[in-house]
Amino acid sequence: YSYLPGYVEAAFYHLAVLKGDAIEAVYACQLLHALMALITAWLIARIGRRLDGQMAGIVAAVLMTGTPWVIVTGSLAYNEMVVTLMLAAGMLAEMEQRVSPWRRGAMIGMFAAAACGAKLTAVGMAAVPLGMALLFSIDRRRWPAAMGCAALLGLIVLAAWLIRNTVACGNPLFPFATGIFGTAHWSVEQAAIWSAGHASDGTLGERMHALWNQLLRFGLGVNPSEGEPWKPQWLILPWIAMIGVVIGIVQPRTRRWSLALLAMMFVQVAFWLMFTHLQSRFLLSAVVPISLCAAVGISALLRATRSSLIRRALTMLTALGLIAWCSAPAAIFRNEARGAPAAAIGLARMFTGDDLAPLKQRELGLSTFPALFVNHVVPASGRVLLVGEAAPLYYRPERITYNTVWDRGPLSRIMREQPDDPAAWVSALREAGYTHVIVNPSMLERWERSRWNDPSITAKGVMGFANTHLQLVQRYPRGEFLFEIPLAN
């Protein structure tokens, strides 16, 4: 994933540099992302106000902010809120009729490219919808100038990523377009696994069924995929939006932009159906037009009510409904982490062991947290290989080697070079400087089920090798196994 455009990660890195330590910067990264969610809500409020007045702006911002998916992702050191922010900023720019079309095109190009720099799926979730809305908002004769400026500014914004990838691996779009620009350090097999892992091979009917489950009823009713997350992260927002867009189209005042919002949602859903592996959170960028559609419908309904008494009553009900809406994420949150969702806040230094006494570091490192063992028990000259563990935040990076599922780590290379010779694998690991191996068989099994892993790196095969030729030190409560590589005879 380091070859994808990492513009948000670069911002997080800047915070780490300013703080002088990545762990110390963790909370700052989370707060930066949360701030972007709040700025998105502010922009949505401005868009809603332009579409149908103050009420529409307030309702849209509250609906967006109170959507559980926004709370879940917006509170992480993640990148999704940058996409929603750039999408909302682009939509607001398109409504600035006082700005010339070519200037609007330049702004849209920058916003769309910045969204793609944050998350590459923004190509279909933000860039294409914004480009389509730009054409919708200007005279046809101005299309070439506007789109030309958009393309030029977009290319400039993404140039850092394209140049970096070209220098690093020869393929400016890696890990995509490998058939055109080459597979870089990957094999053809790895490139094929990547492509298969980032798209669905389901039929149109299966994809539409996924849309029903992942958007329209996500978290409601029986979970269709046992073991997968299933909580009402959308609540009933998509249904309110569908009613709202109909009301908005019927009203002459809001018809033009309601049609534009409907077209944007259609493009986003079509992209999700055709080019993603159909997970609910990959639709999150659609929360911008969905919230606006719902808000316009509610606002238009209130405005169309002739009786002032009934209007005041409906306004009060709307206010109470929005309060309840914002309370729903809290109800979901309180059941997380066995009823103690906030228990680990402020404990980052405990997870690294830096805030613990030496005896406690060793005790917890040998019983509970493998990162503490690596950071404080393994000798400074030691080195640990992580197999099936690709989340190394709390480990000291100079003491570990790890790889994502898409890449091939040292064990893959050793097993391929010396097949069917486990004794040689031990010697090769030892000669490479490794003293310990941490295996996460549960993650390896998940990679196997997904068919993403190196076929030679299976939970059964790795654990069989480790149990036979390495020395078991500890099995941790979360399922990791710590092995020591025996010294040479």
Protein backbone atom coordinates (compact mmCIF):
# COMPACT_ATOMS: atom_id res chain seq x y z
CA TYR A 1 0.00 0.00 0.00
CA SER A 2 2.97 2.35 0.29
CA TYR A 3 2.84 2.76 -3.49
CA LEU A 4 -0.66 4.25 -3.35
CA PRO A 5 -0.85 8.05 -3.08
CA GLY A 6 -0.19 8.66 0.61
CA TYR A 7 -0.99 12.35 0.97
CA VAL A 8 -2.81 11.92 4.29
CA GLU A 9 -0.09 9.64 5.62
CA ALA A 10 2.38 12.37 4.68
CA ALA A 11 0.40 14.80 6.85
CA PHE A 12 0.51 12.31 9.72
CA TYR A 13 4.24 11.94 9.18
CA HIS A 14 4.64 15.71 9.46
CA LEU A 15 2.87 15.57 12.82
CA ALA A 16 5.22 12.79 13.93
CA VAL A 17 8.20 14.93 12.93
CA LEU A 18 6.78 17.92 14.81
CA LYS A 19 6.18 15.80 17.91
CA GLY A 20 9.50 14.00 17.50
CA ASP A 21 7.91 10.57 17.92
CA ALA A 22 5.31 8.58 15.97
CA ILE A 23 3.58 7.22 19.07
CA GLU A 24 3.37 10.67 20.63
CA ALA A 25 1.73 11.92 17.41
CA VAL A 26 -0.97 9.21 17.30
CA TYR A 27 -3.63 11.29 19.02
CA ALA A 28 -2.77 14.38 17.00
CA CYS A 29 -3.31 12.34 13.83
CA GLN A 30 -6.71 11.20 15.07
CA LEU A 31 -7.71 14.74 15.98
CA LEU A 32 -6.57 16.05 12.58
CA HIS A 33 -8.81 13.54 10.84
CA ALA A 34 -11.72 14.34 13.18
CA LEU A 35 -11.26 18.05 12.41
CA MET A 36 -11.59 17.27 8.71
CA ALA A 37 -14.91 15.58 9.44
CA LEU A 38 -16.12 18.71 11.24
CA ILE A 39 -14.99 20.98 8.39
CA THR A 40 -16.86 18.69 5.99
CA ALA A 41 -20.00 19.16 8.09
CA TRP A 42 -19.52 22.95 7.98
CA LEU A 43 -19.18 22.88 4.18
CA ILE A 44 -22.24 20.64 3.88
CA ALA A 45 -24.19 23.14 5.98
CA ARG A 46 -23.22 25.91 3.56
CA ILE A 47 -24.21 23.78 0.56
CA GLY A 48 -27.54 22.88 2.15
CA ARG A 49 -28.24 26.52 2.95
CA ARG A 50 -27.68 27.45 -0.70
CA LEU A 51 -29.87 24.62 -1.90
CA ASP A 52 -32.90 25.26 0.29
CA GLY A 53 -32.24 27.65 3.15
CA GLN A 54 -30.98 27.55 6.71
CA MET A 55 -33.00 24.50 7.77
CA ALA A 56 -31.58 22.37 4.97
CA GLY A 57 -28.04 23.36 5.95
CA ILE A 58 -28.50 22.51 9.61
CA VAL A 59 -30.22 19.20 8.93
CA ALA A 60 -27.62 18.12 6.36
CA ALA A 61 -24.70 18.88 8.69
CA VAL A 62 -26.28 17.09 11.65
CA LEU A 63 -27.27 14.04 9.58
CA MET A 64 -23.74 13.75 8.20
CA THR A 65 -22.00 14.25 11.55
CA GLY A 66 -24.30 11.86 13.40
CA THR A 67 -24.01 9.02 10.90
CA PRO A 68 -22.22 6.18 12.77
CA TRP A 69 -19.88 5.41 9.87
CA VAL A 70 -18.65 9.01 10.03
CA ILE A 71 -18.06 8.72 13.78
CA VAL A 72 -16.25 5.38 13.40
CA THR A 73 -13.90 6.41 10.59
CA GLY A 74 -13.65 10.09 11.48
CA SER A 75 -12.26 9.31 14.92
CA LEU A 76 -9.40 7.22 13.50
CA ALA A 77 -6.06 8.29 12.05
CA TYR A 78 -7.54 7.44 8.66
CA ASN A 79 -8.04 9.08 5.25
CA GLU A 80 -11.77 8.86 4.46
CA MET A 81 -12.75 12.28 5.80
CA VAL A 82 -10.31 13.96 3.42
CA VAL A 83 -12.32 12.53 0.52
CA THR A 84 -15.61 13.81 1.95
CA LEU A 85 -13.97 17.18 2.67
CA MET A 86 -12.70 17.58 -0.90
CA LEU A 87 -16.01 16.38 -2.34
CA ALA A 88 -17.95 18.92 -0.29
CA ALA A 89 -15.46 21.69 -1.13
CA GLY A 90 -15.75 20.87 -4.83
CA MET A 91 -19.54 20.91 -4.70
CA LEU A 92 -19.49 24.32 -3.01
CA ALA A 93 -17.07 25.63 -5.64
CA GLU A 94 -19.41 24.46 -8.41
CA MET A 95 -22.21 26.53 -6.92
CA GLU A 96 -20.15 29.74 -7.17
CA GLN A 97 -21.73 31.16 -10.31
CA ARG A 98 -19.81 34.43 -9.86
CA VAL A 99 -16.55 32.56 -10.51
CA SER A 100 -15.60 32.00 -14.14
CA PRO A 101 -15.94 28.44 -15.50
CA TRP A 102 -12.20 27.99 -16.00
CA ARG A 103 -11.50 29.04 -12.43
CA ARG A 104 -14.15 26.67 -11.18
CA GLY A 105 -12.58 23.96 -13.30
CA ALA A 106 -9.18 24.66 -11.74
CA MET A 107 -10.65 24.40 -8.23
CA ILE A 108 -12.47 21.17 -9.07
CA GLY A 109 -9.27 19.70 -10.50
CA MET A 110 -7.38 20.48 -7.31
CA PHE A 111 -10.09 19.19 -4.99
CA ALA A 112 -10.65 16.01 -7.02
CA ALA A 113 -6.92 15.26 -7.23
CA ALA A 114 -6.43 15.93 -3.52
CA ALA A 115 -9.25 13.47 -2.80
CA CYS A 116 -7.52 10.86 -4.97
CA GLY A 117 -4.24 11.64 -3.22
CA ALA A 118 -5.93 10.74 0.04
CA LYS A 119 -7.66 7.57 -1.15
CA LEU A 120 -7.45 6.21 -4.66
CA THR A 121 -11.08 5.03 -4.72
CA ALA A 122 -11.92 8.75 -4.76
CA VAL A 123 -11.48 8.50 -8.53
CA GLY A 124 -15.03 7.16 -8.72
CA MET A 125 -16.37 8.44 -5.40
CA ALA A 126 -15.30 12.10 -5.76
CA ALA A 127 -13.42 12.98 -8.96
CA VAL A 128 -15.89 11.63 -11.52
CA PRO A 129 -18.98 12.94 -9.63
CA LEU A 130 -17.36 16.38 -9.31
CA GLY A 131 -16.42 16.44 -12.98
CA MET A 132 -19.94 15.47 -13.94
CA ALA A 133 -21.44 18.13 -11.66
CA LEU A 134 -19.05 20.72 -13.13
CA LEU A 135 -20.41 20.05 -16.61
CA PHE A 136 -23.91 20.24 -15.18
CA SER A 137 -23.26 23.69 -13.66
CA ILE A 138 -21.70 25.55 -16.63
CA ASP A 139 -22.63 26.38 -20.19
CA ARG A 140 -21.71 23.70 -22.72
CA ARG A 141 -19.55 26.14 -24.68
CA ARG A 142 -17.30 26.53 -21.64
CA TRP A 143 -16.78 22.81 -21.12
CA PRO A 144 -13.37 22.55 -22.88
CA ALA A 145 -11.82 25.40 -20.91
CA ALA A 146 -13.21 24.21 -17.58
CA MET A 147 -12.28 20.55 -18.06
CA GLY A 148 -8.87 21.45 -19.45
CA CYS A 149 -8.08 23.51 -16.34
CA ALA A 150 -9.42 20.74 -14.13
CA ALA A 151 -7.20 18.14 -15.82
CA LEU A 152 -4.10 20.37 -15.67
CA LEU A 153 -4.46 21.27 -12.00
CA GLY A 154 -5.35 17.69 -11.11
CA LEU A 155 -2.21 16.44 -12.81
CA ILE A 156 -0.09 18.99 -10.95
CA VAL A 157 -1.54 17.94 -7.57
CA LEU A 158 -0.94 14.23 -8.29
CA ALA A 159 2.47 14.77 -9.88
CA ALA A 160 4.32 14.06 -6.62
CA TRP A 161 2.80 10.57 -6.44
CA LEU A 162 3.28 9.81 -10.15
CA ILE A 163 6.92 10.94 -10.16
CA ARG A 164 7.72 9.14 -6.92
CA ASN A 165 6.30 5.85 -8.20
CA THR A 166 8.09 6.20 -11.54
CA VAL A 167 11.43 6.72 -9.79
CA ALA A 168 10.80 3.99 -7.20
CA CYS A 169 9.53 1.20 -9.43
CA GLY A 170 9.14 2.34 -13.03
CA ASN A 171 5.33 2.22 -12.95
CA PRO A 172 3.72 5.61 -12.15
CA LEU A 173 0.41 3.93 -11.26
CA PHE A 174 1.77 0.88 -9.40
CA PRO A 175 0.22 -1.40 -8.21
CA PHE A 176 -2.26 -0.68 -11.01
CA ALA A 177 -1.72 -0.79 -14.78
CA THR A 178 0.90 -3.51 -14.33
CA GLY A 179 0.02 -4.89 -17.75
CA ILE A 180 1.08 -1.56 -19.31
CA PHE A 181 3.90 -0.24 -17.14
CA GLY A 182 5.18 -3.48 -15.59
CA THR A 183 4.89 -5.29 -12.27
CA ALA A 184 7.91 -3.62 -10.59
CA HIS A 185 9.20 -5.87 -7.76
CA TRP A 186 6.14 -8.12 -7.92
CA SER A 187 5.65 -11.30 -9.88
CA VAL A 188 2.82 -11.63 -12.37
CA GLU A 189 1.13 -13.88 -9.79
CA GLN A 190 1.26 -11.14 -7.13
CA ALA A 191 -0.16 -8.56 -9.51
CA ALA A 192 -3.03 -10.92 -10.36
CA ILE A 193 -3.73 -11.57 -6.65
CA TRP A 194 -3.77 -7.81 -5.98
CA SER A 195 -6.23 -7.19 -8.83
CA ALA A 196 -8.50 -10.01 -7.69
CA GLY A 197 -8.37 -8.78 -4.10
CA HIS A 198 -9.56 -5.29 -4.98
CA ALA A 199 -12.61 -6.05 -7.05
CA SER A 200 -15.62 -8.32 -6.88
CA ASP A 201 -16.13 -11.19 -9.31
CA GLY A 202 -19.82 -11.51 -8.43
CA THR A 203 -22.65 -11.38 -10.92
CA LEU A 204 -24.78 -8.26 -11.30
CA GLY A 205 -27.43 -9.87 -9.13
CA GLU A 206 -24.90 -10.66 -6.43
CA ARG A 207 -23.59 -7.12 -6.55
CA MET A 208 -27.08 -5.65 -6.22
CA HIS A 209 -27.70 -7.97 -3.29
CA ALA A 210 -24.49 -6.66 -1.72
CA LEU A 211 -25.76 -3.09 -2.22
CA TRP A 212 -28.94 -4.00 -0.38
CA ASN A 213 -26.99 -5.51 2.49
CA GLN A 214 -24.09 -3.05 2.68
CA LEU A 215 -26.05 0.20 2.29
CA LEU A 216 -29.79 -0.06 2.54
CA ARG A 217 -30.03 -2.48 5.47
CA PHE A 218 -26.50 -2.60 6.84
CA GLY A 219 -26.65 -3.62 10.49
CA LEU A 220 -30.40 -4.18 10.43
CA GLY A 221 -31.88 -7.67 10.61
CA VAL A 222 -29.95 -10.92 10.24
CA ASN A 223 -26.26 -10.69 9.38
CA PRO A 224 -25.80 -12.26 5.90
CA SER A 225 -22.08 -12.89 6.54
CA GLU A 226 -21.55 -14.50 9.92
CA GLY A 227 -18.44 -13.19 11.64
CA GLU A 228 -18.28 -9.98 9.62
CA PRO A 229 -19.07 -6.59 11.26
CA TRP A 230 -22.80 -5.94 11.31
CA LYS A 231 -23.96 -2.79 13.05
CA PRO A 232 -26.32 -0.03 11.83
CA GLN A 233 -23.58 2.28 10.65
CA TRP A 234 -25.88 3.97 8.12
CA LEU A 235 -29.01 3.86 10.32
CA ILE A 236 -31.87 4.73 7.93
CA LEU A 237 -30.12 7.63 6.17
CA PRO A 238 -30.25 6.07 2.66
CA TRP A 239 -34.02 5.63 2.97
CA ILE A 240 -34.54 9.22 4.12
CA ALA A 241 -32.36 10.35 1.20
CA MET A 242 -34.40 8.41 -1.35
CA ILE A 243 -37.59 10.05 -0.11
CA GLY A 244 -35.85 13.41 0.10
CA VAL A 245 -34.53 13.37 -3.45
CA VAL A 246 -38.02 12.65 -4.79
CA ILE A 247 -39.41 15.60 -2.82
CA GLY A 248 -36.51 17.78 -4.02
CA ILE A 249 -37.12 16.89 -7.68
CA VAL A 250 -40.83 17.64 -7.37
CA GLN A 251 -40.11 21.12 -5.98
CA PRO A 252 -39.12 23.58 -8.78
CA ARG A 253 -36.85 25.48 -6.40
CA THR A 254 -34.63 22.48 -5.68
CA ARG A 255 -35.18 20.37 -8.80
CA ARG A 256 -31.96 21.24 -10.63
CA TRP A 257 -29.56 20.45 -7.82
CA SER A 258 -31.58 17.49 -6.58
CA LEU A 259 -31.13 15.93 -10.01
CA ALA A 260 -27.40 16.70 -9.80
CA LEU A 261 -27.17 15.07 -6.36
CA LEU A 262 -29.08 12.03 -7.65
CA ALA A 263 -26.66 11.73 -10.57
CA MET A 264 -23.68 11.96 -8.20
CA MET A 265 -25.07 9.21 -5.99
CA PHE A 266 -25.73 7.06 -9.05
CA VAL A 267 -22.10 7.43 -10.20
CA GLN A 268 -20.79 6.63 -6.72
CA VAL A 269 -22.93 3.54 -6.35
CA ALA A 270 -22.10 2.38 -9.89
CA PHE A 271 -18.38 2.75 -9.17
CA TRP A 272 -18.76 0.88 -5.89
CA LEU A 273 -20.62 -1.94 -7.63
CA MET A 274 -18.13 -2.30 -10.47
CA PHE A 275 -14.70 -1.46 -9.04
CA THR A 276 -14.59 -2.32 -5.33
CA HIS A 277 -14.96 -5.46 -3.28
CA LEU A 278 -18.33 -4.29 -1.99
CA GLN A 279 -17.67 -3.31 1.62
CA SER A 280 -20.05 -0.85 3.28
CA ARG A 281 -17.39 1.63 4.36
CA PHE A 282 -16.21 2.13 0.77
CA LEU A 283 -19.50 3.94 0.18
CA LEU A 284 -18.81 6.46 2.92
CA SER A 285 -18.06 9.33 0.52
CA ALA A 286 -21.68 9.08 -0.59
CA VAL A 287 -22.66 10.46 2.83
CA VAL A 288 -22.22 13.97 1.35
CA PRO A 289 -24.92 13.82 -1.37
CA ILE A 290 -27.04 11.42 0.69
CA SER A 291 -27.17 13.84 3.65
CA LEU A 292 -27.96 16.76 1.35
CA CYS A 293 -30.77 14.86 -0.41
CA ALA A 294 -32.32 13.92 2.93
CA ALA A 295 -31.99 17.48 4.24
CA VAL A 296 -33.51 19.06 1.13
CA GLY A 297 -36.50 16.72 1.38
CA ILE A 298 -37.08 17.52 5.05
CA SER A 299 -36.67 21.26 4.46
CA ALA A 300 -38.99 21.28 1.44
CA LEU A 301 -41.60 19.34 3.40
CA LEU A 302 -41.51 21.88 6.23
CA ARG A 303 -41.66 24.81 3.85
CA ALA A 304 -44.63 23.35 1.99
CA THR A 305 -46.68 23.04 5.20
CA ARG A 306 -49.18 25.93 5.15
CA SER A 307 -50.28 25.84 8.76
CA SER A 308 -47.78 27.68 10.99
CA LEU A 309 -48.83 25.57 13.96
CA ILE A 310 -48.20 22.32 12.13
CA ARG A 311 -44.93 23.71 10.78
CA ARG A 312 -43.73 24.56 14.28
CA ALA A 313 -44.72 21.10 15.49
CA LEU A 314 -42.88 19.43 12.61
CA THR A 315 -39.84 21.61 13.24
CA MET A 316 -39.84 20.51 16.88
CA LEU A 317 -40.15 16.86 15.84
CA THR A 318 -37.28 17.36 13.40
CA ALA A 319 -35.11 18.80 16.18
CA LEU A 320 -35.94 15.88 18.48
CA GLY A 321 -35.26 13.44 15.66
CA LEU A 322 -31.83 14.98 15.03
CA ILE A 323 -30.99 14.70 18.73
CA ALA A 324 -31.98 11.04 18.65
CA TRP A 325 -29.97 10.63 15.45
CA CYS A 326 -26.81 11.90 17.13
CA SER A 327 -27.45 9.66 20.14
CA ALA A 328 -27.48 6.48 18.05
CA PRO A 329 -23.68 6.31 17.56
CA ALA A 330 -23.23 6.58 21.33
CA ALA A 331 -25.55 3.61 21.82
CA ILE A 332 -23.50 1.59 19.33
CA PHE A 333 -20.19 2.76 20.78
CA ARG A 334 -20.96 1.84 24.37
CA ASN A 335 -21.18 -1.85 23.45
CA GLU A 336 -17.77 -1.95 21.78
CA ALA A 337 -14.72 -3.58 23.40
CA ARG A 338 -16.83 -5.60 25.83
CA GLY A 339 -18.56 -2.53 27.18
CA ALA A 340 -15.38 -0.50 27.80
CA PRO A 341 -14.76 1.28 24.48
CA ALA A 342 -12.67 4.09 25.96
CA ALA A 343 -10.53 1.91 28.24
CA ALA A 344 -7.37 2.21 26.12
CA ILE A 345 -7.50 5.96 25.47
CA GLY A 346 -4.25 7.54 26.60
CA LEU A 347 -2.45 4.21 26.97
CA ALA A 348 -0.33 4.23 23.81
CA ARG A 349 2.86 4.35 25.86
CA MET A 350 1.70 1.36 27.85
CA PHE A 351 1.26 -0.66 24.67
CA THR A 352 4.85 0.14 23.69
CA GLY A 353 5.99 -0.50 27.26
CA ASP A 354 7.76 2.84 27.54
CA ASP A 355 5.67 3.92 30.55
CA LEU A 356 6.15 0.66 32.44
CA ALA A 357 8.78 -0.40 34.94
CA PRO A 358 11.33 -2.96 33.68
CA LEU A 359 9.79 -5.84 35.66
CA LYS A 360 6.34 -5.00 34.30
CA GLN A 361 7.70 -4.75 30.77
CA ARG A 362 9.06 -8.28 31.03
CA GLU A 363 5.99 -9.67 32.77
CA LEU A 364 3.49 -8.28 30.25
CA GLY A 365 5.86 -8.98 27.36
CA LEU A 366 5.87 -12.67 28.26
CA SER A 367 2.17 -12.90 29.01
CA THR A 368 0.02 -10.36 27.18
CA PHE A 369 1.64 -8.02 24.63
CA PRO A 370 4.21 -9.33 22.15
CA ALA A 371 5.26 -5.75 21.31
CA LEU A 372 6.54 -5.32 24.87
CA PHE A 373 8.65 -8.46 24.50
CA VAL A 374 10.14 -7.20 21.25
CA ASN A 375 10.72 -3.66 22.53
CA HIS A 376 12.11 -4.41 25.97
CA VAL A 377 13.01 -8.10 26.41
CA VAL A 378 14.70 -9.01 23.12
CA PRO A 379 18.38 -7.95 23.28
CA ALA A 380 19.37 -4.86 21.32
CA SER A 381 21.19 -7.12 18.84
CA GLY A 382 18.10 -9.30 18.33
CA ARG A 383 15.68 -9.12 15.43
CA VAL A 384 12.14 -10.46 15.16
CA LEU A 385 10.32 -11.66 12.05
CA LEU A 386 6.55 -11.08 12.04
CA VAL A 387 4.56 -13.58 9.98
CA GLY A 388 0.87 -12.78 9.44
CA GLU A 389 1.18 -9.62 11.51
CA ALA A 390 0.99 -6.41 9.44
CA ALA A 391 0.02 -3.88 12.13
CA PRO A 392 3.36 -2.97 13.71
CA LEU A 393 2.54 0.43 15.24
CA TYR A 394 3.66 -0.42 18.77
CA TYR A 395 6.80 -2.33 17.77
CA ARG A 396 10.19 -0.68 17.57
CA PRO A 397 10.76 -0.65 13.81
CA GLU A 398 14.51 -1.30 14.01
CA ARG A 399 13.83 -4.65 15.72
CA ILE A 400 11.27 -6.17 13.37
CA THR A 401 10.69 -7.21 9.80
CA TYR A 402 7.12 -7.48 8.52
CA ASN A 403 5.23 -7.41 5.24
CA THR A 404 1.69 -6.91 4.07
CA VAL A 405 -0.18 -9.78 2.49
CA TRP A 406 0.52 -8.45 -1.02
CA ASP A 407 4.30 -8.50 -0.61
CA ARG A 408 6.54 -11.48 0.04
CA GLY A 409 8.61 -11.48 3.22
CA PRO A 410 11.89 -13.22 4.10
CA LEU A 411 10.19 -16.51 4.98
CA SER A 412 8.52 -16.65 1.55
CA ARG A 413 11.86 -16.13 -0.17
CA ILE A 414 13.67 -18.71 1.98
CA MET A 415 10.95 -21.34 1.48
CA ARG A 416 10.97 -20.82 -2.27
CA GLU A 417 14.76 -20.96 -2.53
CA GLN A 418 15.03 -24.12 -0.42
CA PRO A 419 11.74 -26.01 -0.74
CA ASP A 420 11.04 -29.01 1.49
CA ASP A 421 14.04 -28.33 3.72
CA PRO A 422 12.83 -26.80 7.03
CA ALA A 423 16.26 -27.22 8.65
CA ALA A 424 17.71 -24.97 5.94
CA TRP A 425 14.97 -22.40 6.63
CA VAL A 426 16.08 -22.22 10.27
CA SER A 427 19.70 -21.73 9.23
CA ALA A 428 18.75 -19.05 6.70
CA LEU A 429 16.70 -17.13 9.27
CA ARG A 430 19.54 -17.36 11.78
CA GLU A 431 22.10 -16.20 9.21
CA ALA A 432 19.85 -13.26 8.33
CA GLY A 433 20.10 -12.13 11.96
CA TYR A 434 16.69 -13.18 13.25
CA THR A 435 16.44 -14.41 16.82
CA HIS A 436 12.67 -14.75 17.17
CA VAL A 437 9.54 -15.26 15.05
CA ILE A 438 6.02 -14.09 15.90
CA VAL A 439 3.25 -15.89 14.02
CA ASN A 440 -0.39 -14.79 13.83
CA PRO A 441 -2.13 -17.94 12.49
CA SER A 442 -5.61 -16.38 12.65
CA MET A 443 -4.57 -13.65 10.22
CA LEU A 444 -2.82 -16.19 8.00
CA GLU A 445 -6.04 -18.21 7.87
CA ARG A 446 -8.00 -15.10 6.93
CA TRP A 447 -5.53 -14.33 4.14
CA GLU A 448 -5.87 -17.90 2.92
CA ARG A 449 -9.68 -17.70 2.83
CA SER A 450 -9.38 -14.49 0.84
CA ARG A 451 -6.78 -16.12 -1.46
CA TRP A 452 -4.46 -13.14 -1.01
CA ASN A 453 -1.47 -14.85 0.55
CA ASP A 454 1.64 -16.43 -0.83
CA PRO A 455 0.46 -20.04 -1.41
CA SER A 456 3.50 -21.32 0.49
CA ILE A 457 2.71 -19.21 3.59
CA THR A 458 -0.26 -20.98 5.18
CA ALA A 459 -1.26 -21.13 8.83
CA LYS A 460 -0.89 -24.91 8.90
CA GLY A 461 2.46 -24.91 7.10
CA VAL A 462 4.05 -22.08 9.08
CA MET A 463 2.81 -23.36 12.43
CA GLY A 464 3.91 -26.90 11.56
CA PHE A 465 7.40 -25.64 10.74
CA ALA A 466 7.59 -23.42 13.83
CA ASN A 467 6.33 -26.05 16.26
CA THR A 468 8.80 -28.61 14.91
CA HIS A 469 11.96 -26.60 14.33
CA LEU A 470 11.65 -23.52 16.59
CA GLN A 471 11.27 -23.19 20.35
CA LEU A 472 7.86 -21.99 21.56
CA VAL A 473 8.20 -19.17 24.10
CA GLN A 474 4.62 -17.98 24.53
CA ARG A 475 1.10 -18.16 23.15
CA TYR A 476 -0.58 -14.80 23.67
CA PRO A 477 -4.25 -14.22 24.58
CA ARG A 478 -5.03 -12.66 21.16
CA GLY A 479 -3.67 -15.70 19.31
CA GLU A 480 -0.10 -14.75 18.42
CA PHE A 481 2.69 -17.29 18.97
CA LEU A 482 6.22 -16.27 19.95
CA PHE A 483 9.03 -18.61 18.89
CA GLU A 484 12.77 -18.44 19.45
CA ILE A 485 15.17 -19.54 16.73
CA PRO A 486 17.57 -22.07 18.29
CA LEU A 487 21.27 -21.41 18.21
CA ALA A 488 23.42 -23.35 15.76
CA ASN A 489 24.86 -26.64 17.06
